[in-house]
Amino acid sequence: MHGELGYLSKEARGTGGFQSLLRRLQTRLNGRDLELHVEDIERIARYVREYGKGGFQSRLTGVLNELESLARVLRDYVLA
């Protein structure tokens, strides 16, 4: 998730929904650790999947991919 950290660290200009989400994520970023709440994960997924392809969405695609990988590992562990 190294590249994603760079995307999350970029300045968020403007006042839209994505910018407010990005600022919230930036306050929860501690080194390489990102504290996420369920609402954050839902918003990340919604922005990536429902709002087309653009600069903002691409900044969160890698984060969503990491979350999906984590979900698969957790699901496989629980079902094992």
N, C-alpha and C. Protein backbone atom coordinates (compact mmCIF):
# COMPACT_ATOMS: atom_id res chain seq x y z
N MET A 1 0.82 -1.18 0.00
CA MET A 1 0.00 0.00 0.00
C MET A 1 0.87 1.25 0.00
N HIS A 2 2.10 1.13 -0.42
CA HIS A 2 3.02 2.27 -0.40
C HIS A 2 2.55 3.40 -1.31
N GLY A 3 2.16 3.08 -2.54
CA GLY A 3 1.69 4.10 -3.46
C GLY A 3 0.42 4.77 -2.97
N GLU A 4 -0.45 3.98 -2.34
CA GLU A 4 -1.70 4.51 -1.83
C GLU A 4 -1.45 5.54 -0.74
N LEU A 5 -0.41 5.32 0.06
CA LEU A 5 -0.09 6.30 1.10
C LEU A 5 0.26 7.64 0.49
N GLY A 6 0.96 7.62 -0.63
CA GLY A 6 1.28 8.86 -1.32
C GLY A 6 0.03 9.56 -1.82
N TYR A 7 -0.91 8.79 -2.36
CA TYR A 7 -2.16 9.38 -2.82
C TYR A 7 -2.94 9.99 -1.67
N LEU A 8 -2.98 9.27 -0.56
CA LEU A 8 -3.73 9.77 0.59
C LEU A 8 -3.08 11.00 1.20
N SER A 9 -1.80 11.13 1.05
CA SER A 9 -1.07 12.25 1.64
C SER A 9 -1.17 13.54 0.83
N LYS A 10 -1.60 13.44 -0.43
CA LYS A 10 -1.70 14.65 -1.26
C LYS A 10 -2.75 15.59 -0.71
N GLU A 11 -2.49 16.87 -0.89
CA GLU A 11 -3.43 17.90 -0.41
C GLU A 11 -4.79 17.74 -1.08
N ALA A 12 -5.82 17.89 -0.29
CA ALA A 12 -7.19 17.85 -0.81
C ALA A 12 -7.69 19.27 -0.95
N ARG A 13 -7.83 19.73 -2.17
CA ARG A 13 -8.32 21.08 -2.42
C ARG A 13 -9.82 21.03 -2.69
N GLY A 14 -10.52 22.03 -2.26
CA GLY A 14 -11.95 22.09 -2.50
C GLY A 14 -12.75 21.67 -1.28
N THR A 15 -14.07 21.62 -1.46
CA THR A 15 -14.94 21.35 -0.33
C THR A 15 -15.93 20.22 -0.58
N GLY A 16 -15.72 19.45 -1.62
CA GLY A 16 -16.66 18.37 -1.95
C GLY A 16 -16.58 17.19 -1.00
N GLY A 17 -17.44 16.23 -1.26
CA GLY A 17 -17.51 15.04 -0.43
C GLY A 17 -16.22 14.24 -0.43
N PHE A 18 -15.62 14.10 -1.62
CA PHE A 18 -14.37 13.35 -1.67
C PHE A 18 -13.29 14.05 -0.86
N GLN A 19 -13.21 15.36 -0.99
CA GLN A 19 -12.18 16.10 -0.27
C GLN A 19 -12.36 15.96 1.24
N SER A 20 -13.59 15.99 1.71
CA SER A 20 -13.82 15.83 3.15
C SER A 20 -13.45 14.42 3.61
N LEU A 21 -13.74 13.42 2.78
CA LEU A 21 -13.34 12.05 3.12
C LEU A 21 -11.82 11.95 3.16
N LEU A 22 -11.17 12.50 2.16
CA LEU A 22 -9.71 12.44 2.10
C LEU A 22 -9.09 13.12 3.32
N ARG A 23 -9.61 14.27 3.70
CA ARG A 23 -9.08 14.95 4.89
C ARG A 23 -9.28 14.11 6.14
N ARG A 24 -10.44 13.46 6.26
CA ARG A 24 -10.70 12.61 7.42
C ARG A 24 -9.71 11.44 7.45
N LEU A 25 -9.48 10.82 6.29
CA LEU A 25 -8.52 9.71 6.23
C LEU A 25 -7.11 10.19 6.59
N GLN A 26 -6.76 11.39 6.15
CA GLN A 26 -5.43 11.92 6.46
C GLN A 26 -5.24 12.11 7.96
N THR A 27 -6.29 12.49 8.67
CA THR A 27 -6.16 12.65 10.13
C THR A 27 -6.02 11.31 10.83
N ARG A 28 -6.44 10.24 10.17
CA ARG A 28 -6.37 8.90 10.76
C ARG A 28 -5.16 8.11 10.27
N LEU A 29 -4.31 8.75 9.49
CA LEU A 29 -3.11 8.11 8.97
C LEU A 29 -1.96 8.34 9.95
N ASN A 30 -1.36 7.26 10.43
CA ASN A 30 -0.26 7.32 11.38
C ASN A 30 0.87 6.48 10.82
N GLY A 31 1.83 7.12 10.17
CA GLY A 31 2.90 6.37 9.51
C GLY A 31 2.30 5.58 8.36
N ARG A 32 2.42 4.25 8.44
CA ARG A 32 1.86 3.37 7.40
C ARG A 32 0.53 2.77 7.83
N ASP A 33 0.04 3.16 9.01
CA ASP A 33 -1.22 2.62 9.53
C ASP A 33 -2.36 3.60 9.28
N LEU A 34 -3.48 3.06 8.85
CA LEU A 34 -4.66 3.87 8.59
C LEU A 34 -5.82 3.30 9.39
N GLU A 35 -6.35 4.09 10.29
CA GLU A 35 -7.51 3.68 11.09
C GLU A 35 -8.76 3.97 10.28
N LEU A 36 -9.55 2.94 10.04
CA LEU A 36 -10.77 3.09 9.26
C LEU A 36 -11.98 2.68 10.08
N HIS A 37 -13.07 3.36 9.86
CA HIS A 37 -14.35 3.01 10.44
C HIS A 37 -15.21 2.42 9.33
N VAL A 38 -16.24 1.69 9.69
CA VAL A 38 -17.11 1.06 8.70
C VAL A 38 -17.64 2.10 7.72
N GLU A 39 -18.01 3.26 8.22
CA GLU A 39 -18.55 4.31 7.36
C GLU A 39 -17.51 4.76 6.33
N ASP A 40 -16.24 4.81 6.75
CA ASP A 40 -15.17 5.19 5.82
C ASP A 40 -15.04 4.16 4.71
N ILE A 41 -15.07 2.90 5.07
CA ILE A 41 -14.94 1.83 4.08
C ILE A 41 -16.10 1.87 3.09
N GLU A 42 -17.30 2.10 3.60
CA GLU A 42 -18.46 2.20 2.72
C GLU A 42 -18.31 3.37 1.75
N ARG A 43 -17.84 4.51 2.24
CA ARG A 43 -17.67 5.69 1.38
C ARG A 43 -16.57 5.45 0.35
N ILE A 44 -15.48 4.81 0.76
CA ILE A 44 -14.40 4.51 -0.19
C ILE A 44 -14.93 3.64 -1.32
N ALA A 45 -15.65 2.58 -0.97
CA ALA A 45 -16.20 1.68 -1.98
C ALA A 45 -17.17 2.42 -2.89
N ARG A 46 -18.02 3.25 -2.33
CA ARG A 46 -18.99 3.99 -3.12
C ARG A 46 -18.30 4.96 -4.09
N TYR A 47 -17.29 5.67 -3.61
CA TYR A 47 -16.60 6.63 -4.47
C TYR A 47 -15.90 5.92 -5.63
N VAL A 48 -15.26 4.79 -5.34
CA VAL A 48 -14.53 4.07 -6.39
C VAL A 48 -15.48 3.44 -7.39
N ARG A 49 -16.55 2.85 -6.92
CA ARG A 49 -17.41 2.06 -7.79
C ARG A 49 -18.53 2.84 -8.47
N GLU A 50 -19.03 3.89 -7.84
CA GLU A 50 -20.23 4.53 -8.36
C GLU A 50 -20.02 5.87 -9.04
N TYR A 51 -18.85 6.48 -8.88
CA TYR A 51 -18.69 7.82 -9.40
C TYR A 51 -17.77 7.89 -10.62
N GLY A 52 -17.65 6.81 -11.34
CA GLY A 52 -16.86 6.82 -12.57
C GLY A 52 -15.37 6.82 -12.31
N LYS A 53 -14.64 6.98 -13.38
CA LYS A 53 -13.19 6.97 -13.28
C LYS A 53 -12.67 8.39 -13.38
N GLY A 54 -11.94 8.79 -12.39
CA GLY A 54 -11.38 10.13 -12.38
C GLY A 54 -10.22 10.17 -11.41
N GLY A 55 -9.65 11.32 -11.27
CA GLY A 55 -8.49 11.47 -10.39
C GLY A 55 -8.79 11.11 -8.95
N PHE A 56 -9.94 11.55 -8.46
CA PHE A 56 -10.28 11.26 -7.07
C PHE A 56 -10.49 9.78 -6.85
N GLN A 57 -11.23 9.16 -7.73
CA GLN A 57 -11.53 7.74 -7.57
C GLN A 57 -10.26 6.91 -7.64
N SER A 58 -9.37 7.26 -8.54
CA SER A 58 -8.14 6.46 -8.68
C SER A 58 -7.27 6.58 -7.44
N ARG A 59 -7.40 7.66 -6.69
CA ARG A 59 -6.62 7.82 -5.47
C ARG A 59 -7.06 6.82 -4.40
N LEU A 60 -8.27 6.30 -4.52
CA LEU A 60 -8.78 5.37 -3.51
C LEU A 60 -8.85 3.92 -3.99
N THR A 61 -8.61 3.68 -5.28
CA THR A 61 -8.72 2.32 -5.82
C THR A 61 -7.77 1.36 -5.11
N GLY A 62 -6.53 1.75 -4.92
CA GLY A 62 -5.57 0.88 -4.25
C GLY A 62 -5.96 0.60 -2.80
N VAL A 63 -6.51 1.59 -2.13
CA VAL A 63 -6.97 1.39 -0.75
C VAL A 63 -8.10 0.37 -0.74
N LEU A 64 -9.05 0.51 -1.66
CA LEU A 64 -10.15 -0.44 -1.73
C LEU A 64 -9.64 -1.83 -2.07
N ASN A 65 -8.67 -1.95 -2.95
CA ASN A 65 -8.10 -3.27 -3.27
C ASN A 65 -7.49 -3.92 -2.03
N GLU A 66 -6.79 -3.13 -1.22
CA GLU A 66 -6.20 -3.66 0.02
C GLU A 66 -7.29 -4.10 0.99
N LEU A 67 -8.35 -3.34 1.09
CA LEU A 67 -9.46 -3.70 1.97
C LEU A 67 -10.14 -4.99 1.51
N GLU A 68 -10.29 -5.14 0.21
CA GLU A 68 -10.89 -6.37 -0.33
C GLU A 68 -10.00 -7.57 -0.07
N SER A 69 -8.68 -7.40 -0.17
CA SER A 69 -7.75 -8.49 0.14
C SER A 69 -7.85 -8.88 1.60
N LEU A 70 -7.93 -7.90 2.47
CA LEU A 70 -8.08 -8.16 3.90
C LEU A 70 -9.38 -8.91 4.18
N ALA A 71 -10.46 -8.49 3.52
CA ALA A 71 -11.75 -9.15 3.70
C ALA A 71 -11.68 -10.61 3.28
N ARG A 72 -10.99 -10.90 2.17
CA ARG A 72 -10.85 -12.30 1.72
C ARG A 72 -10.09 -13.14 2.73
N VAL A 73 -9.01 -12.58 3.26
CA VAL A 73 -8.22 -13.31 4.26
C VAL A 73 -9.06 -13.59 5.50
N LEU A 74 -9.78 -12.59 5.96
CA LEU A 74 -10.62 -12.77 7.15
C LEU A 74 -11.72 -13.79 6.90
N ARG A 75 -12.35 -13.72 5.72
CA ARG A 75 -13.40 -14.68 5.38
C ARG A 75 -12.86 -16.09 5.33
N ASP A 76 -11.71 -16.27 4.69
CA ASP A 76 -11.11 -17.60 4.59
C ASP A 76 -10.71 -18.13 5.96
N TYR A 77 -10.24 -17.25 6.83
CA TYR A 77 -9.83 -17.66 8.18
C TYR A 77 -11.06 -18.11 8.98
N VAL A 78 -12.13 -17.36 8.89
CA VAL A 78 -13.35 -17.68 9.65
C VAL A 78 -13.96 -18.97 9.14
N LEU A 79 -13.93 -19.19 7.83
CA LEU A 79 -14.55 -20.37 7.25
C LEU A 79 -13.68 -21.62 7.34
N ALA A 80 -12.43 -21.46 7.72
CA ALA A 80 -11.50 -22.61 7.78
C ALA A 80 -11.80 -23.50 8.97
